[in-house]
Amino acid sequence: MDKILLIIKREYLTRVRKKTFIILTLLAPALMAAMVAVTVFITQLESDQLRYILVKDSSNKFEESLKDNKSIKFTFAKNTNVESIKKVFSDGNYYALLIIPEDPENENIELISENQSDINTKMYISSRIEEKIRSDKLKELGIEVETIDAINPNVHIRTIKIKADGSEELSSTEAALAIGYISAFLIYMFIFIYGAMVMRGVIEEKTNRVVEILISSVKPFQLMMGKILGIALVALTQ
């Protein structure tokens, strides 16, 4: 046991005294916060950006359905030639070109852009087109859209957690799921980073021939256990 403690002490002190350990320990939280802040900033910037979308609607059904919102503005092309419309799109300041075929249910709708289209724009266009097709089908069946909306249930489930003392508190299944995913990711990163550190420690000692001296005085199990526990303490400190 004393030998294991000595190995733990050596591993721990050798690593925490390094300048790289001190710098990373101090800068890592700041870097993580900066990454989150930059991601949020870019997402917010993209959501606030006004996107101009040129539309070629061969079905002539969706001009009223595809309404502008705070981030998307639609322009419907009157030219029937697709190649001419693509040239207008290339020469203009458009975010994307939306091509709707005559039968959008059985043919693919195309959203063409120079960069990867964002998910919010795609979902908005899809929802507006689906709503229009659904409305037309209901009218063909002689059913008013308002009738369907009136009978659609709107159910909200509130989750409550019972504590050990019998008291109740509101809980969130979504939040618990998110915490689970984040925890799993952190565990993965912990194993990946510090597992590699254990491997590097063994390689360093083998290269420096220190392991030959250690093996002669301690058992392999004691050596490995000491290294793992020592690096685990380094991880907890960091």
C-alpha atoms as a PDB file:
ATOM      1  CA  MET A   1       0.000   0.000   0.000  1.00  0.00           C
ATOM      2  CA  ASP A   2       2.859   2.383   0.834  1.00  0.00           C
ATOM      3  CA  LYS A   3       4.385   1.787  -2.574  1.00  0.00           C
ATOM      4  CA  ILE A   4       1.099   2.617  -4.290  1.00  0.00           C
ATOM      5  CA  LEU A   5       0.846   5.846  -2.280  1.00  0.00           C
ATOM      6  CA  LEU A   6       4.400   6.779  -3.282  1.00  0.00           C
ATOM      7  CA  ILE A   7       3.594   6.243  -6.963  1.00  0.00           C
ATOM      8  CA  ILE A   8       0.367   8.252  -6.607  1.00  0.00           C
ATOM      9  CA  LYS A   9       2.279  11.090  -4.940  1.00  0.00           C
ATOM     10  CA  ARG A  10       4.959  11.066  -7.629  1.00  0.00           C
ATOM     11  CA  GLU A  11       2.452  11.061 -10.503  1.00  0.00           C
ATOM     12  CA  TYR A  12       0.355  13.797  -8.934  1.00  0.00           C
ATOM     13  CA  LEU A  13       3.159  16.183  -7.947  1.00  0.00           C
ATOM     14  CA  THR A  14       5.073  15.686 -11.193  1.00  0.00           C
ATOM     15  CA  ARG A  15       2.072  16.736 -13.258  1.00  0.00           C
ATOM     16  CA  VAL A  16       0.502  19.520 -11.169  1.00  0.00           C
ATOM     17  CA  ARG A  17       3.825  21.355 -10.941  1.00  0.00           C
ATOM     18  CA  LYS A  18       4.114  21.659 -14.706  1.00  0.00           C
ATOM     19  CA  LYS A  19       3.460  25.090 -16.222  1.00  0.00           C
ATOM     20  CA  THR A  20       1.177  23.571 -18.844  1.00  0.00           C
ATOM     21  CA  PHE A  21      -1.069  22.112 -16.129  1.00  0.00           C
ATOM     22  CA  ILE A  22      -1.385  25.474 -14.351  1.00  0.00           C
ATOM     23  CA  ILE A  23      -2.020  27.385 -17.593  1.00  0.00           C
ATOM     24  CA  LEU A  24      -4.632  24.905 -18.861  1.00  0.00           C
ATOM     25  CA  THR A  25      -6.370  24.789 -15.478  1.00  0.00           C
ATOM     26  CA  LEU A  26      -6.708  28.576 -15.470  1.00  0.00           C
ATOM     27  CA  LEU A  27      -7.531  29.026 -19.148  1.00  0.00           C
ATOM     28  CA  ALA A  28      -9.776  25.995 -19.807  1.00  0.00           C
ATOM     29  CA  PRO A  29     -12.934  27.484 -18.175  1.00  0.00           C
ATOM     30  CA  ALA A  30     -12.361  30.771 -20.000  1.00  0.00           C
ATOM     31  CA  LEU A  31     -11.878  28.976 -23.330  1.00  0.00           C
ATOM     32  CA  MET A  32     -15.028  26.885 -22.838  1.00  0.00           C
ATOM     33  CA  ALA A  33     -17.047  29.987 -21.927  1.00  0.00           C
ATOM     34  CA  ALA A  34     -15.647  31.797 -24.972  1.00  0.00           C
ATOM     35  CA  MET A  35     -16.592  28.898 -27.273  1.00  0.00           C
ATOM     36  CA  VAL A  36     -20.159  28.863 -25.933  1.00  0.00           C
ATOM     37  CA  ALA A  37     -20.412  32.657 -26.243  1.00  0.00           C
ATOM     38  CA  VAL A  38     -19.128  32.622 -29.834  1.00  0.00           C
ATOM     39  CA  THR A  39     -21.551  29.821 -30.783  1.00  0.00           C
ATOM     40  CA  VAL A  40     -24.508  31.695 -29.276  1.00  0.00           C
ATOM     41  CA  PHE A  41     -23.396  34.934 -30.956  1.00  0.00           C
ATOM     42  CA  ILE A  42     -23.081  33.324 -34.399  1.00  0.00           C
ATOM     43  CA  THR A  43     -26.455  31.578 -34.012  1.00  0.00           C
ATOM     44  CA  GLN A  44     -28.104  34.840 -32.976  1.00  0.00           C
ATOM     45  CA  LEU A  45     -26.417  36.687 -35.838  1.00  0.00           C
ATOM     46  CA  GLU A  46     -27.641  34.150 -38.384  1.00  0.00           C
ATOM     47  CA  SER A  47     -31.188  34.173 -36.980  1.00  0.00           C
ATOM     48  CA  ASP A  48     -31.354  37.983 -37.244  1.00  0.00           C
ATOM     49  CA  GLN A  49     -30.021  38.048 -40.810  1.00  0.00           C
ATOM     50  CA  LEU A  50     -32.676  38.753 -43.467  1.00  0.00           C
ATOM     51  CA  ARG A  51     -32.690  36.042 -46.125  1.00  0.00           C
ATOM     52  CA  TYR A  52     -34.012  36.786 -49.610  1.00  0.00           C
ATOM     53  CA  ILE A  53     -35.375  33.679 -51.333  1.00  0.00           C
ATOM     54  CA  LEU A  54     -36.253  33.567 -55.031  1.00  0.00           C
ATOM     55  CA  VAL A  55     -39.204  31.238 -55.720  1.00  0.00           C
ATOM     56  CA  LYS A  56     -40.131  29.407 -58.924  1.00  0.00           C
ATOM     57  CA  ASP A  57     -43.626  28.024 -58.283  1.00  0.00           C
ATOM     58  CA  SER A  58     -44.687  25.825 -61.221  1.00  0.00           C
ATOM     59  CA  SER A  59     -47.908  24.860 -59.404  1.00  0.00           C
ATOM     60  CA  ASN A  60     -49.002  28.500 -58.905  1.00  0.00           C
ATOM     61  CA  LYS A  61     -50.459  27.577 -55.507  1.00  0.00           C
ATOM     62  CA  PHE A  62     -48.103  28.877 -52.861  1.00  0.00           C
ATOM     63  CA  GLU A  63     -47.670  32.616 -53.433  1.00  0.00           C
ATOM     64  CA  GLU A  64     -50.141  33.423 -50.661  1.00  0.00           C
ATOM     65  CA  SER A  65     -48.931  30.635 -48.368  1.00  0.00           C
ATOM     66  CA  LEU A  66     -45.235  31.530 -48.413  1.00  0.00           C
ATOM     67  CA  LYS A  67     -45.479  34.673 -46.326  1.00  0.00           C
ATOM     68  CA  ASP A  68     -42.538  36.828 -45.318  1.00  0.00           C
ATOM     69  CA  ASN A  69     -41.424  36.822 -41.703  1.00  0.00           C
ATOM     70  CA  LYS A  70     -38.778  38.760 -39.775  1.00  0.00           C
ATOM     71  CA  SER A  71     -35.909  36.694 -41.226  1.00  0.00           C
ATOM     72  CA  ILE A  72     -37.208  35.497 -44.625  1.00  0.00           C
ATOM     73  CA  LYS A  73     -38.451  37.483 -47.612  1.00  0.00           C
ATOM     74  CA  PHE A  74     -39.838  35.659 -50.667  1.00  0.00           C
ATOM     75  CA  THR A  75     -39.673  36.944 -54.248  1.00  0.00           C
ATOM     76  CA  PHE A  76     -41.711  35.020 -56.834  1.00  0.00           C
ATOM     77  CA  ALA A  77     -40.181  34.778 -60.294  1.00  0.00           C
ATOM     78  CA  LYS A  78     -42.552  35.340 -63.199  1.00  0.00           C
ATOM     79  CA  ASN A  79     -40.211  33.828 -65.777  1.00  0.00           C
ATOM     80  CA  THR A  80     -41.126  30.215 -66.581  1.00  0.00           C
ATOM     81  CA  ASN A  81     -37.660  29.216 -67.790  1.00  0.00           C
ATOM     82  CA  VAL A  82     -35.761  27.506 -64.979  1.00  0.00           C
ATOM     83  CA  GLU A  83     -32.317  28.265 -66.433  1.00  0.00           C
ATOM     84  CA  SER A  84     -33.156  31.970 -66.702  1.00  0.00           C
ATOM     85  CA  ILE A  85     -34.357  31.976 -63.100  1.00  0.00           C
ATOM     86  CA  LYS A  86     -31.136  30.283 -61.979  1.00  0.00           C
ATOM     87  CA  LYS A  87     -29.173  33.027 -63.738  1.00  0.00           C
ATOM     88  CA  VAL A  88     -31.228  35.691 -61.929  1.00  0.00           C
ATOM     89  CA  PHE A  89     -30.501  33.874 -58.671  1.00  0.00           C
ATOM     90  CA  SER A  90     -26.757  33.735 -59.387  1.00  0.00           C
ATOM     91  CA  ASP A  91     -26.579  37.417 -60.363  1.00  0.00           C
ATOM     92  CA  GLY A  92     -28.815  38.665 -57.539  1.00  0.00           C
ATOM     93  CA  ASN A  93     -28.358  39.009 -53.804  1.00  0.00           C
ATOM     94  CA  TYR A  94     -30.438  35.953 -52.914  1.00  0.00           C
ATOM     95  CA  TYR A  95     -29.868  33.517 -50.072  1.00  0.00           C
ATOM     96  CA  ALA A  96     -31.526  30.587 -51.862  1.00  0.00           C
ATOM     97  CA  LEU A  97     -33.618  29.541 -54.842  1.00  0.00           C
ATOM     98  CA  LEU A  98     -36.794  27.568 -54.108  1.00  0.00           C
ATOM     99  CA  ILE A  99     -38.132  25.488 -57.014  1.00  0.00           C
ATOM    100  CA  ILE A 100     -41.629  24.058 -56.511  1.00  0.00           C
ATOM    101  CA  PRO A 101     -42.780  21.543 -59.179  1.00  0.00           C
ATOM    102  CA  GLU A 102     -46.313  21.272 -60.551  1.00  0.00           C
ATOM    103  CA  ASP A 103     -47.031  18.298 -58.273  1.00  0.00           C
ATOM    104  CA  PRO A 104     -45.091  18.982 -55.037  1.00  0.00           C
ATOM    105  CA  GLU A 105     -46.548  15.899 -53.326  1.00  0.00           C
ATOM    106  CA  ASN A 106     -45.015  13.453 -55.801  1.00  0.00           C
ATOM    107  CA  GLU A 107     -42.018  15.447 -57.011  1.00  0.00           C
ATOM    108  CA  ASN A 108     -39.075  16.827 -55.076  1.00  0.00           C
ATOM    109  CA  ILE A 109     -39.058  20.453 -54.008  1.00  0.00           C
ATOM    110  CA  GLU A 110     -35.574  21.931 -54.400  1.00  0.00           C
ATOM    111  CA  LEU A 111     -33.923  24.553 -52.198  1.00  0.00           C
ATOM    112  CA  ILE A 112     -30.726  25.686 -53.925  1.00  0.00           C
ATOM    113  CA  SER A 113     -28.145  27.851 -52.166  1.00  0.00           C
ATOM    114  CA  GLU A 114     -24.434  28.614 -52.384  1.00  0.00           C
ATOM    115  CA  ASN A 115     -23.919  27.657 -48.740  1.00  0.00           C
ATOM    116  CA  GLN A 116     -25.571  25.045 -46.525  1.00  0.00           C
ATOM    117  CA  SER A 117     -29.198  26.075 -45.917  1.00  0.00           C
ATOM    118  CA  ASP A 118     -30.024  26.571 -42.256  1.00  0.00           C
ATOM    119  CA  ILE A 119     -32.558  24.270 -40.605  1.00  0.00           C
ATOM    120  CA  ASN A 120     -34.947  27.056 -39.540  1.00  0.00           C
ATOM    121  CA  THR A 121     -35.424  28.300 -43.109  1.00  0.00           C
ATOM    122  CA  LYS A 122     -35.990  24.771 -44.392  1.00  0.00           C
ATOM    123  CA  MET A 123     -38.487  23.965 -41.632  1.00  0.00           C
ATOM    124  CA  TYR A 124     -40.423  27.210 -42.174  1.00  0.00           C
ATOM    125  CA  ILE A 125     -40.763  26.612 -45.925  1.00  0.00           C
ATOM    126  CA  SER A 126     -41.723  22.971 -45.377  1.00  0.00           C
ATOM    127  CA  SER A 127     -44.378  23.842 -42.796  1.00  0.00           C
ATOM    128  CA  ARG A 128     -45.974  26.528 -45.004  1.00  0.00           C
ATOM    129  CA  ILE A 129     -46.125  24.226 -48.033  1.00  0.00           C
ATOM    130  CA  GLU A 130     -47.489  21.295 -46.004  1.00  0.00           C
ATOM    131  CA  GLU A 131     -50.130  23.546 -44.454  1.00  0.00           C
ATOM    132  CA  LYS A 132     -51.289  24.714 -47.892  1.00  0.00           C
ATOM    133  CA  ILE A 133     -51.479  21.153 -49.285  1.00  0.00           C
ATOM    134  CA  ARG A 134     -53.359  20.003 -46.181  1.00  0.00           C
ATOM    135  CA  SER A 135     -55.807  22.894 -46.501  1.00  0.00           C
ATOM    136  CA  ASP A 136     -56.486  22.126 -50.183  1.00  0.00           C
ATOM    137  CA  LYS A 137     -57.138  18.445 -49.430  1.00  0.00           C
ATOM    138  CA  LEU A 138     -59.578  19.312 -46.668  1.00  0.00           C
ATOM    139  CA  LYS A 139     -61.480  21.632 -49.010  1.00  0.00           C
ATOM    140  CA  GLU A 140     -61.694  18.854 -51.612  1.00  0.00           C
ATOM    141  CA  LEU A 141     -63.286  16.652 -48.941  1.00  0.00           C
ATOM    142  CA  GLY A 142     -65.676  19.420 -47.956  1.00  0.00           C
ATOM    143  CA  ILE A 143     -64.094  19.903 -44.523  1.00  0.00           C
ATOM    144  CA  GLU A 144     -63.293  23.354 -43.196  1.00  0.00           C
ATOM    145  CA  VAL A 145     -59.813  23.900 -41.786  1.00  0.00           C
ATOM    146  CA  GLU A 146     -61.352  25.617 -38.756  1.00  0.00           C
ATOM    147  CA  THR A 147     -63.275  22.420 -37.980  1.00  0.00           C
ATOM    148  CA  ILE A 148     -60.086  20.359 -37.879  1.00  0.00           C
ATOM    149  CA  ASP A 149     -58.324  22.981 -35.756  1.00  0.00           C
ATOM    150  CA  ALA A 150     -61.247  23.004 -33.330  1.00  0.00           C
ATOM    151  CA  ILE A 151     -61.150  19.251 -32.706  1.00  0.00           C
ATOM    152  CA  ASN A 152     -57.350  18.960 -32.491  1.00  0.00           C
ATOM    153  CA  PRO A 153     -56.514  18.425 -28.803  1.00  0.00           C
ATOM    154  CA  ASN A 154     -53.979  20.665 -27.097  1.00  0.00           C
ATOM    155  CA  VAL A 155     -52.709  18.633 -24.142  1.00  0.00           C
ATOM    156  CA  HIS A 156     -49.936  19.764 -21.794  1.00  0.00           C
ATOM    157  CA  ILE A 157     -48.449  17.349 -19.252  1.00  0.00           C
ATOM    158  CA  ARG A 158     -46.794  18.800 -16.172  1.00  0.00           C
ATOM    159  CA  THR A 159     -44.174  16.527 -14.610  1.00  0.00           C
ATOM    160  CA  ILE A 160     -43.834  16.505 -10.810  1.00  0.00           C
ATOM    161  CA  LYS A 161     -41.076  14.851  -8.803  1.00  0.00           C
ATOM    162  CA  ILE A 162     -41.674  13.537  -5.273  1.00  0.00           C
ATOM    163  CA  LYS A 163     -38.711  14.110  -2.948  1.00  0.00           C
ATOM    164  CA  ALA A 164     -37.529  11.762  -0.202  1.00  0.00           C
ATOM    165  CA  ASP A 165     -39.313  13.853   2.438  1.00  0.00           C
ATOM    166  CA  GLY A 166     -42.626  13.524   0.573  1.00  0.00           C
ATOM    167  CA  SER A 167     -42.710  17.073  -0.796  1.00  0.00           C
ATOM    168  CA  GLU A 168     -43.325  17.760  -4.480  1.00  0.00           C
ATOM    169  CA  GLU A 169     -41.450  19.891  -6.990  1.00  0.00           C
ATOM    170  CA  LEU A 170     -41.849  20.589 -10.681  1.00  0.00           C
ATOM    171  CA  SER A 171     -39.425  18.692 -12.911  1.00  0.00           C
ATOM    172  CA  SER A 172     -38.481  18.745 -16.580  1.00  0.00           C
ATOM    173  CA  THR A 173     -37.987  15.567 -18.596  1.00  0.00           C
ATOM    174  CA  GLU A 174     -36.255  17.540 -21.343  1.00  0.00           C
ATOM    175  CA  ALA A 175     -33.804  19.085 -18.872  1.00  0.00           C
ATOM    176  CA  ALA A 176     -33.035  15.666 -17.372  1.00  0.00           C
ATOM    177  CA  LEU A 177     -32.407  14.275 -20.864  1.00  0.00           C
ATOM    178  CA  ALA A 178     -30.098  17.182 -21.706  1.00  0.00           C
ATOM    179  CA  ILE A 179     -28.167  16.716 -18.448  1.00  0.00           C
ATOM    180  CA  GLY A 180     -27.789  13.017 -19.248  1.00  0.00           C
ATOM    181  CA  TYR A 181     -26.354  13.750 -22.696  1.00  0.00           C
ATOM    182  CA  ILE A 182     -23.971  16.398 -21.333  1.00  0.00           C
ATOM    183  CA  SER A 183     -22.824  14.108 -18.514  1.00  0.00           C
ATOM    184  CA  ALA A 184     -22.174  11.260 -20.959  1.00  0.00           C
ATOM    185  CA  PHE A 185     -20.146  13.599 -23.174  1.00  0.00           C
ATOM    186  CA  LEU A 186     -18.087  14.850 -20.222  1.00  0.00           C
ATOM    187  CA  ILE A 187     -17.396  11.274 -19.083  1.00  0.00           C
ATOM    188  CA  TYR A 188     -16.281  10.388 -22.603  1.00  0.00           C
ATOM    189  CA  MET A 189     -13.944  13.405 -22.740  1.00  0.00           C
ATOM    190  CA  PHE A 190     -12.602  12.578 -19.270  1.00  0.00           C
ATOM    191  CA  ILE A 191     -11.772   8.991 -20.287  1.00  0.00           C
ATOM    192  CA  PHE A 192     -10.340  10.086 -23.646  1.00  0.00           C
ATOM    193  CA  ILE A 193      -8.050  12.812 -22.264  1.00  0.00           C
ATOM    194  CA  TYR A 194      -6.851  11.205 -19.060  1.00  0.00           C
ATOM    195  CA  GLY A 195      -6.725   7.688 -20.490  1.00  0.00           C
ATOM    196  CA  ALA A 196      -4.296   9.034 -23.070  1.00  0.00           C
ATOM    197  CA  MET A 197      -2.359  10.664 -20.228  1.00  0.00           C
ATOM    198  CA  VAL A 198      -1.935   7.271 -18.509  1.00  0.00           C
ATOM    199  CA  MET A 199      -0.710   5.779 -21.777  1.00  0.00           C
ATOM    200  CA  ARG A 200       1.795   8.611 -22.298  1.00  0.00           C
ATOM    201  CA  GLY A 201       3.034   8.177 -18.722  1.00  0.00           C
ATOM    202  CA  VAL A 202       3.751   4.482 -19.314  1.00  0.00           C
ATOM    203  CA  ILE A 203       5.482   5.218 -22.630  1.00  0.00           C
ATOM    204  CA  GLU A 204       7.648   7.937 -21.053  1.00  0.00           C
ATOM    205  CA  GLU A 205       8.833   5.611 -18.293  1.00  0.00           C
ATOM    206  CA  LYS A 206       9.514   2.824 -20.765  1.00  0.00           C
ATOM    207  CA  THR A 207      11.532   5.195 -22.947  1.00  0.00           C
ATOM    208  CA  ASN A 208      13.515   6.514 -19.986  1.00  0.00           C
ATOM    209  CA  ARG A 209      14.035   2.927 -18.706  1.00  0.00           C
ATOM    210  CA  VAL A 210      12.540   4.013 -15.374  1.00  0.00           C
ATOM    211  CA  VAL A 211      10.054   1.175 -15.626  1.00  0.00           C
ATOM    212  CA  GLU A 212      12.852  -1.385 -15.284  1.00  0.00           C
ATOM    213  CA  ILE A 213      13.815   0.062 -11.902  1.00  0.00           C
ATOM    214  CA  LEU A 214      10.181   0.352 -10.811  1.00  0.00           C
ATOM    215  CA  ILE A 215       9.301  -3.204 -11.814  1.00  0.00           C
ATOM    216  CA  SER A 216      12.189  -4.498  -9.727  1.00  0.00           C
ATOM    217  CA  SER A 217      10.819  -2.786  -6.607  1.00  0.00           C
ATOM    218  CA  VAL A 218       7.030  -2.853  -7.127  1.00  0.00           C
ATOM    219  CA  LYS A 219       4.534  -5.201  -8.713  1.00  0.00           C
ATOM    220  CA  PRO A 220       3.024  -4.292 -12.128  1.00  0.00           C
ATOM    221  CA  PHE A 221      -0.429  -4.039 -10.498  1.00  0.00           C
ATOM    222  CA  GLN A 222       0.860  -1.559  -7.917  1.00  0.00           C
ATOM    223  CA  LEU A 223       2.549   0.505 -10.620  1.00  0.00           C
ATOM    224  CA  MET A 224      -0.543   0.684 -12.816  1.00  0.00           C
ATOM    225  CA  MET A 225      -2.892   1.333  -9.888  1.00  0.00           C
ATOM    226  CA  GLY A 226      -0.652   4.132  -8.633  1.00  0.00           C
ATOM    227  CA  LYS A 227      -0.472   5.759 -12.057  1.00  0.00           C
ATOM    228  CA  ILE A 228      -4.231   5.544 -12.622  1.00  0.00           C
ATOM    229  CA  LEU A 229      -5.116   6.941  -9.190  1.00  0.00           C
ATOM    230  CA  GLY A 230      -2.451   9.640  -9.433  1.00  0.00           C
ATOM    231  CA  ILE A 231      -3.689  10.852 -12.808  1.00  0.00           C
ATOM    232  CA  ALA A 232      -7.293  10.609 -11.566  1.00  0.00           C
ATOM    233  CA  LEU A 233      -6.373  13.012  -8.757  1.00  0.00           C
ATOM    234  CA  VAL A 234      -4.778  15.309 -11.347  1.00  0.00           C
ATOM    235  CA  ALA A 235      -8.031  15.226 -13.313  1.00  0.00           C
ATOM    236  CA  LEU A 236     -10.109  16.046 -10.227  1.00  0.00           C
ATOM    237  CA  THR A 237      -7.756  18.910  -9.363  1.00  0.00           C
ATOM    238  CA  GLN A 238      -8.016  20.313 -12.853  1.00  0.00           C
END
